[in-house]
C-alpha atoms as a PDB file:
ATOM      1  CA  MET A   1      -0.137  -0.120   0.078  1.00  0.00           C
ATOM      2  CA  MET A   2       1.595   3.250  -0.808  1.00  0.00           C
ATOM      3  CA  ILE A   3      -0.733   5.576   0.913  1.00  0.00           C
ATOM      4  CA  GLU A   4      -3.194   5.000   3.905  1.00  0.00           C
ATOM      5  CA  LEU A   5      -5.581   7.826   5.138  1.00  0.00           C
ATOM      6  CA  GLN A   6      -7.386   6.497   8.343  1.00  0.00           C
ATOM      7  CA  ASN A   7      -9.936   8.897  10.059  1.00  0.00           C
ATOM      8  CA  ILE A   8      -8.679  12.055   9.082  1.00  0.00           C
ATOM      9  CA  CYS A   9     -10.129  15.097  10.185  1.00  0.00           C
ATOM     10  CA  ARG A  10      -9.452  18.621   9.253  1.00  0.00           C
ATOM     11  CA  TYR A  11     -11.613  21.859  10.871  1.00  0.00           C
ATOM     12  CA  PHE A  12     -11.598  25.561   9.572  1.00  0.00           C
ATOM     13  CA  GLN A  13     -13.211  28.125  11.977  1.00  0.00           C
ATOM     14  CA  VAL A  14     -15.234  31.069  10.018  1.00  0.00           C
ATOM     15  CA  GLY A  15     -16.271  33.208  12.050  1.00  0.00           C
ATOM     16  CA  ASP A  16     -18.918  31.360  14.810  1.00  0.00           C
ATOM     17  CA  GLU A  17     -19.009  28.247  12.384  1.00  0.00           C
ATOM     18  CA  THR A  18     -16.786  25.251  12.416  1.00  0.00           C
ATOM     19  CA  VAL A  19     -16.107  24.248   8.947  1.00  0.00           C
ATOM     20  CA  HIS A  20     -15.410  20.422   8.271  1.00  0.00           C
ATOM     21  CA  ALA A  21     -13.129  20.413   5.356  1.00  0.00           C
ATOM     22  CA  LEU A  22     -12.398  16.679   6.132  1.00  0.00           C
ATOM     23  CA  ASP A  23     -14.661  14.872   8.126  1.00  0.00           C
ATOM     24  CA  ASN A  24     -13.447  11.688   9.092  1.00  0.00           C
ATOM     25  CA  VAL A  25     -12.026  10.603   5.785  1.00  0.00           C
ATOM     26  CA  SER A  26     -10.345   7.019   5.116  1.00  0.00           C
ATOM     27  CA  LEU A  27      -8.592   6.188   2.019  1.00  0.00           C
ATOM     28  CA  LYS A  28      -6.110   3.947   0.314  1.00  0.00           C
ATOM     29  CA  ILE A  29      -4.167   4.532  -2.683  1.00  0.00           C
ATOM     30  CA  GLN A  30      -2.293   1.736  -4.419  1.00  0.00           C
ATOM     31  CA  GLN A  31       1.182   2.678  -6.139  1.00  0.00           C
ATOM     32  CA  GLY A  32       0.178   3.344 -10.079  1.00  0.00           C
ATOM     33  CA  ASP A  33      -3.029   4.486  -9.111  1.00  0.00           C
ATOM     34  CA  TYR A  34      -5.166   7.166 -11.503  1.00  0.00           C
ATOM     35  CA  ILE A  35      -7.532   8.761  -9.285  1.00  0.00           C
ATOM     36  CA  SER A  36      -9.587  11.780 -10.092  1.00  0.00           C
ATOM     37  CA  VAL A  37     -11.196  13.546  -7.055  1.00  0.00           C
ATOM     38  CA  MET A  38     -14.361  15.483  -8.019  1.00  0.00           C
ATOM     39  CA  GLY A  39     -17.163  17.496  -5.912  1.00  0.00           C
ATOM     40  CA  PRO A  40     -18.642  20.564  -5.479  1.00  0.00           C
ATOM     41  CA  SER A  41     -16.807  23.984  -4.442  1.00  0.00           C
ATOM     42  CA  GLY A  42     -16.143  23.449  -0.484  1.00  0.00           C
ATOM     43  CA  SER A  43     -16.506  19.770  -0.603  1.00  0.00           C
ATOM     44  CA  GLY A  44     -12.974  19.160   0.510  1.00  0.00           C
ATOM     45  CA  LYS A  45     -11.408  18.342  -2.577  1.00  0.00           C
ATOM     46  CA  SER A  46      -8.406  20.740  -2.443  1.00  0.00           C
ATOM     47  CA  THR A  47      -8.081  20.555   1.263  1.00  0.00           C
ATOM     48  CA  LEU A  48      -7.447  16.461   0.654  1.00  0.00           C
ATOM     49  CA  LEU A  49      -5.273  17.158  -2.148  1.00  0.00           C
ATOM     50  CA  ASN A  50      -3.057  19.694   0.245  1.00  0.00           C
ATOM     51  CA  LEU A  51      -2.986  17.105   2.859  1.00  0.00           C
ATOM     52  CA  LEU A  52      -1.617  14.227   0.668  1.00  0.00           C
ATOM     53  CA  GLY A  53       1.033  16.907  -0.408  1.00  0.00           C
ATOM     54  CA  LEU A  54       1.967  17.706   3.067  1.00  0.00           C
ATOM     55  CA  LEU A  55       0.960  21.580   2.388  1.00  0.00           C
ATOM     56  CA  ASP A  56      -1.381  20.945   5.003  1.00  0.00           C
ATOM     57  CA  GLN A  57      -2.131  18.797   8.417  1.00  0.00           C
ATOM     58  CA  GLY A  58      -5.148  17.377   9.540  1.00  0.00           C
ATOM     59  CA  ASP A  59      -6.158  17.897  12.978  1.00  0.00           C
ATOM     60  CA  SER A  60      -6.682  14.165  13.901  1.00  0.00           C
ATOM     61  CA  GLY A  61      -6.282  10.913  12.268  1.00  0.00           C
ATOM     62  CA  SER A  62      -3.340   9.019  10.513  1.00  0.00           C
ATOM     63  CA  TYR A  63      -1.623   9.619   7.416  1.00  0.00           C
ATOM     64  CA  GLN A  64       0.829   6.799   6.293  1.00  0.00           C
ATOM     65  CA  PHE A  65       2.965   6.742   3.056  1.00  0.00           C
ATOM     66  CA  GLU A  66       4.610   3.558   2.270  1.00  0.00           C
ATOM     67  CA  GLU A  67       4.053   2.379   5.840  1.00  0.00           C
ATOM     68  CA  ARG A  68       5.795   5.608   7.298  1.00  0.00           C
ATOM     69  CA  GLU A  69       3.682   7.699   9.857  1.00  0.00           C
ATOM     70  CA  LEU A  70       3.885  11.305   8.644  1.00  0.00           C
ATOM     71  CA  THR A  71       1.613  13.134  10.839  1.00  0.00           C
ATOM     72  CA  THR A  72       4.126  13.282  13.369  1.00  0.00           C
ATOM     73  CA  LEU A  73       7.040  14.651  11.297  1.00  0.00           C
ATOM     74  CA  SER A  74       8.752  18.123  11.994  1.00  0.00           C
ATOM     75  CA  GLU A  75       8.241  21.112   9.460  1.00  0.00           C
ATOM     76  CA  GLU A  76      11.707  20.265   8.019  1.00  0.00           C
ATOM     77  CA  GLN A  77      11.175  16.492   7.741  1.00  0.00           C
ATOM     78  CA  ARG A  78       7.857  17.483   5.850  1.00  0.00           C
ATOM     79  CA  ALA A  79       9.422  19.734   3.470  1.00  0.00           C
ATOM     80  CA  GLN A  80      12.101  16.818   2.482  1.00  0.00           C
ATOM     81  CA  PHE A  81       9.792  14.456   2.045  1.00  0.00           C
ATOM     82  CA  ARG A  82       8.049  16.682  -0.108  1.00  0.00           C
ATOM     83  CA  ARG A  83      11.030  17.172  -1.860  1.00  0.00           C
ATOM     84  CA  GLU A  84      11.678  13.564  -2.594  1.00  0.00           C
ATOM     85  CA  LYS A  85       8.235  12.028  -3.020  1.00  0.00           C
ATOM     86  CA  ILE A  86       5.569  14.452  -4.255  1.00  0.00           C
ATOM     87  CA  GLY A  87       5.444  16.464  -7.543  1.00  0.00           C
ATOM     88  CA  PHE A  88       2.639  19.431  -7.569  1.00  0.00           C
ATOM     89  CA  ILE A  89       0.777  20.875 -10.470  1.00  0.00           C
ATOM     90  CA  PHE A  90      -1.585  23.965  -9.939  1.00  0.00           C
ATOM     91  CA  GLN A  91      -4.180  25.680 -12.152  1.00  0.00           C
ATOM     92  CA  SER A  92      -1.706  28.577 -11.805  1.00  0.00           C
ATOM     93  CA  PHE A  93       1.555  27.228 -13.671  1.00  0.00           C
ATOM     94  CA  HIS A  94       3.753  29.108 -10.819  1.00  0.00           C
ATOM     95  CA  LEU A  95       6.488  29.306 -12.914  1.00  0.00           C
ATOM     96  CA  ILE A  96       9.781  32.126 -12.447  1.00  0.00           C
ATOM     97  CA  PRO A  97       9.027  34.753 -15.109  1.00  0.00           C
ATOM     98  CA  ARG A  98      12.725  35.914 -15.111  1.00  0.00           C
ATOM     99  CA  LEU A  99      13.896  32.226 -15.576  1.00  0.00           C
ATOM    100  CA  THR A 100      13.993  29.835 -18.587  1.00  0.00           C
ATOM    101  CA  ALA A 101      11.878  26.919 -19.095  1.00  0.00           C
ATOM    102  CA  ALA A 102      15.366  24.855 -18.913  1.00  0.00           C
ATOM    103  CA  GLU A 103      15.953  27.037 -15.321  1.00  0.00           C
ATOM    104  CA  ASN A 104      12.612  26.834 -14.141  1.00  0.00           C
ATOM    105  CA  ILE A 105      12.349  22.859 -14.921  1.00  0.00           C
ATOM    106  CA  GLY A 106      15.864  22.720 -13.126  1.00  0.00           C
ATOM    107  CA  LEU A 107      15.224  24.414  -9.851  1.00  0.00           C
ATOM    108  CA  PRO A 108      14.373  21.456  -7.646  1.00  0.00           C
ATOM    109  CA  LEU A 109      17.814  19.897  -8.693  1.00  0.00           C
ATOM    110  CA  THR A 110      19.486  23.303  -8.066  1.00  0.00           C
ATOM    111  CA  LEU A 111      17.979  23.569  -4.513  1.00  0.00           C
ATOM    112  CA  ALA A 112      18.661  19.834  -3.575  1.00  0.00           C
ATOM    113  CA  GLY A 113      22.395  20.316  -4.381  1.00  0.00           C
ATOM    114  CA  ILE A 114      22.394  18.128  -7.355  1.00  0.00           C
ATOM    115  CA  ALA A 115      25.573  18.652  -9.324  1.00  0.00           C
ATOM    116  CA  PRO A 116      25.456  21.094 -12.844  1.00  0.00           C
ATOM    117  CA  ALA A 117      26.485  18.317 -15.413  1.00  0.00           C
ATOM    118  CA  ILE A 118      23.693  15.652 -13.957  1.00  0.00           C
ATOM    119  CA  ARG A 119      21.212  18.776 -14.041  1.00  0.00           C
ATOM    120  CA  ARG A 120      21.994  19.718 -17.341  1.00  0.00           C
ATOM    121  CA  GLY A 121      21.436  16.151 -18.417  1.00  0.00           C
ATOM    122  CA  ARG A 122      18.197  15.612 -16.910  1.00  0.00           C
ATOM    123  CA  VAL A 123      16.775  18.922 -17.850  1.00  0.00           C
ATOM    124  CA  LYS A 124      17.614  18.145 -21.284  1.00  0.00           C
ATOM    125  CA  GLN A 125      15.948  14.787 -21.099  1.00  0.00           C
ATOM    126  CA  ALA A 126      12.840  16.236 -19.572  1.00  0.00           C
ATOM    127  CA  LEU A 127      12.431  18.757 -22.440  1.00  0.00           C
ATOM    128  CA  LYS A 128      13.092  16.313 -25.307  1.00  0.00           C
ATOM    129  CA  SER A 129      10.236  14.166 -23.773  1.00  0.00           C
ATOM    130  CA  LEU A 130       8.005  16.920 -23.999  1.00  0.00           C
ATOM    131  CA  ASP A 131       9.026  17.961 -27.255  1.00  0.00           C
ATOM    132  CA  MET A 132      10.199  21.339 -26.149  1.00  0.00           C
ATOM    133  CA  LEU A 133      13.941  21.290 -26.604  1.00  0.00           C
ATOM    134  CA  ASP A 134      13.325  24.279 -28.893  1.00  0.00           C
ATOM    135  CA  ARG A 135      11.946  25.982 -26.346  1.00  0.00           C
ATOM    136  CA  ALA A 136      14.666  25.704 -23.544  1.00  0.00           C
ATOM    137  CA  ASP A 137      15.953  29.429 -23.729  1.00  0.00           C
ATOM    138  CA  HIS A 138      12.244  30.804 -23.567  1.00  0.00           C
ATOM    139  CA  ARG A 139      10.982  32.389 -20.641  1.00  0.00           C
ATOM    140  CA  PRO A 140       7.464  31.796 -19.505  1.00  0.00           C
ATOM    141  CA  ALA A 141       6.080  35.085 -21.327  1.00  0.00           C
ATOM    142  CA  GLN A 142       7.292  33.763 -24.270  1.00  0.00           C
ATOM    143  CA  LEU A 143       5.262  30.441 -23.879  1.00  0.00           C
ATOM    144  CA  SER A 144       1.581  29.165 -24.783  1.00  0.00           C
ATOM    145  CA  GLY A 145      -0.561  28.390 -21.835  1.00  0.00           C
ATOM    146  CA  GLY A 146      -0.015  24.465 -22.573  1.00  0.00           C
ATOM    147  CA  GLN A 147       4.018  24.750 -22.928  1.00  0.00           C
ATOM    148  CA  GLN A 148       3.904  26.278 -19.644  1.00  0.00           C
ATOM    149  CA  GLN A 149       1.871  23.918 -17.969  1.00  0.00           C
ATOM    150  CA  ARG A 150       4.243  21.354 -19.645  1.00  0.00           C
ATOM    151  CA  VAL A 151       7.286  23.005 -18.157  1.00  0.00           C
ATOM    152  CA  ALA A 152       5.660  23.053 -14.564  1.00  0.00           C
ATOM    153  CA  ILE A 153       4.967  19.126 -15.191  1.00  0.00           C
ATOM    154  CA  ALA A 154       8.394  18.522 -16.074  1.00  0.00           C
ATOM    155  CA  ARG A 155       9.630  20.690 -12.956  1.00  0.00           C
ATOM    156  CA  ALA A 156       7.425  18.752 -10.669  1.00  0.00           C
ATOM    157  CA  MET A 157       8.780  15.332 -11.978  1.00  0.00           C
ATOM    158  CA  ILE A 158      12.466  16.367 -12.170  1.00  0.00           C
ATOM    159  CA  MET A 159      13.024  14.813  -8.796  1.00  0.00           C
ATOM    160  CA  ARG A 160      11.200  11.612 -10.032  1.00  0.00           C
ATOM    161  CA  PRO A 161       8.753  11.801  -6.975  1.00  0.00           C
ATOM    162  CA  PRO A 162       6.392   8.628  -6.960  1.00  0.00           C
ATOM    163  CA  LEU A 163       3.342  10.642  -6.325  1.00  0.00           C
ATOM    164  CA  LEU A 164       1.934  13.478  -8.532  1.00  0.00           C
ATOM    165  CA  LEU A 165      -0.992  15.732  -7.472  1.00  0.00           C
ATOM    166  CA  ALA A 166      -2.811  17.913  -9.722  1.00  0.00           C
ATOM    167  CA  ASP A 167      -5.260  20.512  -8.574  1.00  0.00           C
ATOM    168  CA  GLU A 168      -7.026  21.769 -11.919  1.00  0.00           C
ATOM    169  CA  PRO A 169      -4.335  21.268 -14.303  1.00  0.00           C
ATOM    170  CA  THR A 170      -6.047  22.122 -17.201  1.00  0.00           C
ATOM    171  CA  GLY A 171      -8.300  25.102 -15.565  1.00  0.00           C
ATOM    172  CA  ASN A 172      -6.592  27.807 -17.436  1.00  0.00           C
ATOM    173  CA  LEU A 173      -6.158  26.020 -20.758  1.00  0.00           C
ATOM    174  CA  ASP A 174      -7.961  25.880 -24.213  1.00  0.00           C
ATOM    175  CA  SER A 175      -9.347  22.637 -24.993  1.00  0.00           C
ATOM    176  CA  HIS A 176      -6.322  21.400 -27.199  1.00  0.00           C
ATOM    177  CA  SER A 177      -3.807  22.528 -24.939  1.00  0.00           C
ATOM    178  CA  GLY A 178      -5.702  20.917 -22.070  1.00  0.00           C
ATOM    179  CA  ARG A 179      -5.547  17.427 -23.968  1.00  0.00           C
ATOM    180  CA  GLU A 180      -1.969  17.820 -24.310  1.00  0.00           C
ATOM    181  CA  VAL A 181      -1.367  18.078 -20.878  1.00  0.00           C
ATOM    182  CA  ILE A 182      -3.553  15.614 -20.078  1.00  0.00           C
ATOM    183  CA  ARG A 183      -1.923  13.111 -22.413  1.00  0.00           C
ATOM    184  CA  THR A 184       1.342  13.846 -20.716  1.00  0.00           C
ATOM    185  CA  LEU A 185      -0.113  13.382 -17.267  1.00  0.00           C
ATOM    186  CA  GLU A 186      -1.296   9.758 -18.648  1.00  0.00           C
ATOM    187  CA  THR A 187       1.946   8.943 -19.990  1.00  0.00           C
ATOM    188  CA  LEU A 188       3.333   9.882 -16.457  1.00  0.00           C
ATOM    189  CA  ASN A 189       0.983   7.305 -14.967  1.00  0.00           C
ATOM    190  CA  ARG A 190       1.475   4.693 -17.559  1.00  0.00           C
ATOM    191  CA  ASP A 191       5.244   4.636 -16.589  1.00  0.00           C
ATOM    192  CA  GLY A 192       4.332   3.998 -12.913  1.00  0.00           C
ATOM    193  CA  VAL A 193       3.519   7.524 -11.202  1.00  0.00           C
ATOM    194  CA  THR A 194       0.832   7.494  -8.987  1.00  0.00           C
ATOM    195  CA  LEU A 195      -1.378  10.445 -10.426  1.00  0.00           C
ATOM    196  CA  ILE A 196      -4.446  12.500  -8.213  1.00  0.00           C
ATOM    197  CA  VAL A 197      -5.957  14.872  -9.973  1.00  0.00           C
ATOM    198  CA  VAL A 198      -8.791  16.970  -8.545  1.00  0.00           C
ATOM    199  CA  THR A 199     -10.946  18.478 -11.150  1.00  0.00           C
ATOM    200  CA  HIS A 200     -14.454  20.324 -12.118  1.00  0.00           C
ATOM    201  CA  ASP A 201     -14.196  18.792 -15.106  1.00  0.00           C
ATOM    202  CA  MET A 202     -16.639  15.727 -15.565  1.00  0.00           C
ATOM    203  CA  GLN A 203     -14.876  14.743 -18.766  1.00  0.00           C
ATOM    204  CA  LEU A 204     -11.827  14.890 -17.402  1.00  0.00           C
ATOM    205  CA  GLY A 205     -12.700  13.144 -14.444  1.00  0.00           C
ATOM    206  CA  LYS A 206     -14.393  10.402 -16.053  1.00  0.00           C
ATOM    207  CA  ARG A 207     -10.881   9.362 -17.769  1.00  0.00           C
ATOM    208  CA  ALA A 208      -9.161   8.265 -14.761  1.00  0.00           C
ATOM    209  CA  ARG A 209      -9.556   4.354 -13.809  1.00  0.00           C
ATOM    210  CA  ARG A 210     -10.530   5.407 -10.181  1.00  0.00           C
ATOM    211  CA  ARG A 211     -13.286   8.289  -9.415  1.00  0.00           C
ATOM    212  CA  ILE A 212     -13.734   9.572  -5.803  1.00  0.00           C
ATOM    213  CA  SER A 213     -16.464  11.849  -5.104  1.00  0.00           C
ATOM    214  CA  MET A 214     -16.700  14.571  -2.343  1.00  0.00           C
ATOM    215  CA  VAL A 215     -19.301  16.252  -0.639  1.00  0.00           C
ATOM    216  CA  ASP A 216     -19.239  18.152   2.591  1.00  0.00           C
ATOM    217  CA  GLY A 217     -15.490  17.030   3.853  1.00  0.00           C
ATOM    218  CA  LYS A 218     -16.890  13.193   3.053  1.00  0.00           C
ATOM    219  CA  ILE A 219     -15.850  10.689   0.604  1.00  0.00           C
ATOM    220  CA  THR A 220     -19.481  10.081  -0.818  1.00  0.00           C
ATOM    221  CA  ALA A 221     -18.177   7.478  -3.838  1.00  0.00           C
ATOM    222  CA  ASP A 222     -15.319   5.806  -4.833  1.00  0.00           C
ATOM    223  CA  GLN A 223     -15.430   3.550  -8.109  1.00  0.00           C
END
């Protein structure tokens, strides 16, 4: 088992009201799963993704990743775990405007202290796999939305994490660019990466082999 959540609760105080963003959520995820998470706004989808990605922490419950308990990690340990095990893709691409495509992709390697020669080789390989070698020296403003998202995917995967989390990855893209991005993500999944996609797009959600529905912080369906 790659991931096991047991009785996870996450509460937020909004004025006098306590909002149950995650209400006693239990979930098991196998290595190589392709999962979509769907539900109305406020259903807990993004809170679940943030918790899986260690960007947020439950108020109670257990989160095990490859049989390692993560709820007891320090902030420094959480950051290291994220860097090594988890890739993130968001609706907004979060590329650094002054860096080229190659420099954006290679940034995690730089932060991890990987030697320059190894960095260059892995970045070139990533660009080649995305058919973007001719865009290596382009800055984000010189790239289309689809190209920027593919750079963001390459950056997310450059450390070769086993888990990829995508929050509305096609939300800012036209339909053609969106299809290209989804093909890229699904190729990574076929290569063994566990892919979890939060989306409002029913057509995108139906592509996943496993579909989770959420309402009011609870999982209401898992098909």
